[in-house]
Structures are given as structure tokens and as C-alpha cells.
Amino acid sequence: MSDFDYQQIDDVLHSRIRLTIVAALIGVEGADFTFLRDKVKTTDGNLSIHLKKLEDAGYVSSKKRFVDRKPLSTYKITEKGRRALEHYVDTLEKLLKKK
């Protein structure tokens, strides 16, 4: 296992909350903020910070609109995000096989 390069692990996805967000989005067309907050079991502020990091990395896209004068944000995983998650899983699998 000594030849494993830990720098191959994606730091953006290696956060428990961000990984959970991406995993929740991988199986749905899109999800609103409340759905993600409840799924991830975190606070609004914490979720917002992690969603912003995922958006900045290009892994998640958002659409913001108003419904009955209330803001509604919908998020979906991007193709770049799908590829990053697949690479992340592959990297971890390689690490486990080097035992």
C-alpha cells in the first residue's frame, strides 16, 4: 500500500457532507434545498456552505426561482460531478485492493 498516492483523492468530495449531497443527487433529476437538508441532516447554513463549494467546483448546478413569493433553489449533479464521483469511488477501490 505504500505506493498509493493519497493526493488522487478529490478533496472537494472527501467531505462527509459534500459526499452525501452528491450521493443524494446522483439518483434524482433534481432536489430542492429542503430535501437535501433533510437527507443530509444538517443545518441550513452548513448545507449552503457545502453546496457553494460543490457549485464552485462545477459538480453541482443550481436554479433559483420564486414560488408564491418564496425562494426555491433546486440542485442537480452535473456531468463533471458524476465523473468526479466515479473517479473518487474508483480511487477508493484501488486503495482497498492494495492491502
Protein backbone atom coordinates (compact mmCIF):
# COMPACT_ATOMS: atom_id res chain seq x y z
CA MET A 1 0.00 0.00 0.00
CA SER A 2 2.98 2.34 0.31
CA ASP A 3 2.79 3.31 -3.37
CA PHE A 4 -0.75 4.74 -3.10
CA ASP A 5 -0.86 8.45 -3.87
CA TYR A 6 -3.31 9.97 -1.41
CA GLN A 7 -3.31 13.17 -3.46
CA GLN A 8 -5.51 11.39 -6.01
CA ILE A 9 -8.42 11.65 -3.57
CA ASP A 10 -10.67 14.56 -4.51
CA ASP A 11 -10.64 16.99 -1.57
CA VAL A 12 -13.94 18.52 -2.65
CA LEU A 13 -15.76 15.18 -2.44
CA HIS A 14 -13.83 13.86 0.55
CA SER A 15 -16.02 15.82 2.98
CA ARG A 16 -18.75 13.69 4.55
CA ILE A 17 -21.42 16.31 3.90
CA ARG A 18 -20.40 17.03 0.29
CA LEU A 19 -20.12 13.33 -0.47
CA THR A 20 -23.62 12.79 0.97
CA ILE A 21 -25.02 15.67 -1.09
CA VAL A 22 -23.58 14.27 -4.32
CA ALA A 23 -24.75 10.76 -3.44
CA ALA A 24 -28.26 12.10 -2.82
CA LEU A 25 -28.26 13.95 -6.15
CA ILE A 26 -26.87 11.08 -8.24
CA GLY A 27 -30.18 9.20 -8.19
CA VAL A 28 -32.61 12.07 -8.77
CA GLU A 29 -33.38 14.51 -11.55
CA GLY A 30 -33.00 17.40 -9.13
CA ALA A 31 -33.64 18.21 -5.49
CA ASP A 32 -34.66 21.30 -3.62
CA PHE A 33 -32.79 22.75 -0.68
CA THR A 34 -35.20 21.38 1.93
CA PHE A 35 -34.97 17.84 0.54
CA LEU A 36 -31.17 17.96 0.68
CA ARG A 37 -31.11 19.48 4.16
CA ASP A 38 -33.38 16.71 5.46
CA LYS A 39 -31.49 13.98 3.60
CA VAL A 40 -28.08 15.16 4.78
CA LYS A 41 -29.38 16.01 8.27
CA THR A 42 -27.56 19.30 8.62
CA THR A 43 -28.36 22.93 9.20
CA ASP A 44 -29.33 25.42 6.50
CA GLY A 45 -26.08 27.34 6.91
CA ASN A 46 -23.88 24.27 6.80
CA LEU A 47 -25.67 22.92 3.74
CA SER A 48 -25.35 26.28 1.97
CA ILE A 49 -21.59 26.36 2.52
CA HIS A 50 -21.10 22.84 1.16
CA LEU A 51 -23.41 23.40 -1.82
CA LYS A 52 -21.42 26.52 -2.69
CA LYS A 53 -18.16 24.54 -2.67
CA LEU A 54 -19.72 21.91 -4.94
CA GLU A 55 -21.04 24.62 -7.27
CA ASP A 56 -17.65 26.36 -7.36
CA ALA A 57 -16.05 23.05 -8.36
CA GLY A 58 -18.65 22.60 -11.12
CA TYR A 59 -20.01 19.41 -9.55
CA VAL A 60 -23.49 20.76 -8.82
CA SER A 61 -25.66 23.32 -10.59
CA SER A 62 -28.47 25.34 -9.08
CA LYS A 63 -31.58 27.04 -10.32
CA LYS A 64 -33.12 29.70 -8.12
CA ARG A 65 -36.67 30.94 -8.56
CA PHE A 66 -39.62 32.16 -6.54
CA VAL A 67 -42.77 30.19 -5.83
CA ASP A 68 -45.55 32.09 -4.07
CA ARG A 69 -43.03 34.83 -3.27
CA LYS A 70 -40.73 32.36 -1.52
CA PRO A 71 -37.29 31.49 -2.83
CA LEU A 72 -36.89 27.95 -4.13
CA SER A 73 -33.46 26.59 -5.03
CA THR A 74 -33.16 23.37 -6.98
CA TYR A 75 -29.87 21.50 -7.32
CA LYS A 76 -28.66 18.81 -9.67
CA ILE A 77 -25.42 17.00 -10.20
CA THR A 78 -23.52 17.99 -13.33
CA GLU A 79 -21.75 15.65 -15.72
CA LYS A 80 -18.46 16.85 -14.25
CA GLY A 81 -19.82 15.94 -10.81
CA ARG A 82 -20.80 12.45 -11.98
CA ARG A 83 -17.35 11.85 -13.41
CA ALA A 84 -15.72 13.16 -10.23
CA LEU A 85 -17.81 10.83 -8.08
CA GLU A 86 -16.98 7.85 -10.30
CA HIS A 87 -13.27 8.71 -10.11
CA TYR A 88 -13.50 9.14 -6.33
CA VAL A 89 -15.08 5.70 -5.92
CA ASP A 90 -12.53 4.12 -8.29
CA THR A 91 -9.68 5.71 -6.32
CA LEU A 92 -11.00 4.33 -3.03
CA GLU A 93 -11.47 0.89 -4.58
CA LYS A 94 -7.85 0.91 -5.74
CA LEU A 95 -6.73 1.86 -2.25
CA LEU A 96 -8.69 -1.03 -0.75
CA LYS A 97 -7.26 -3.52 -3.25
CA LYS A 98 -3.68 -2.61 -2.30
CA LYS A 99 -3.98 -4.17 1.15
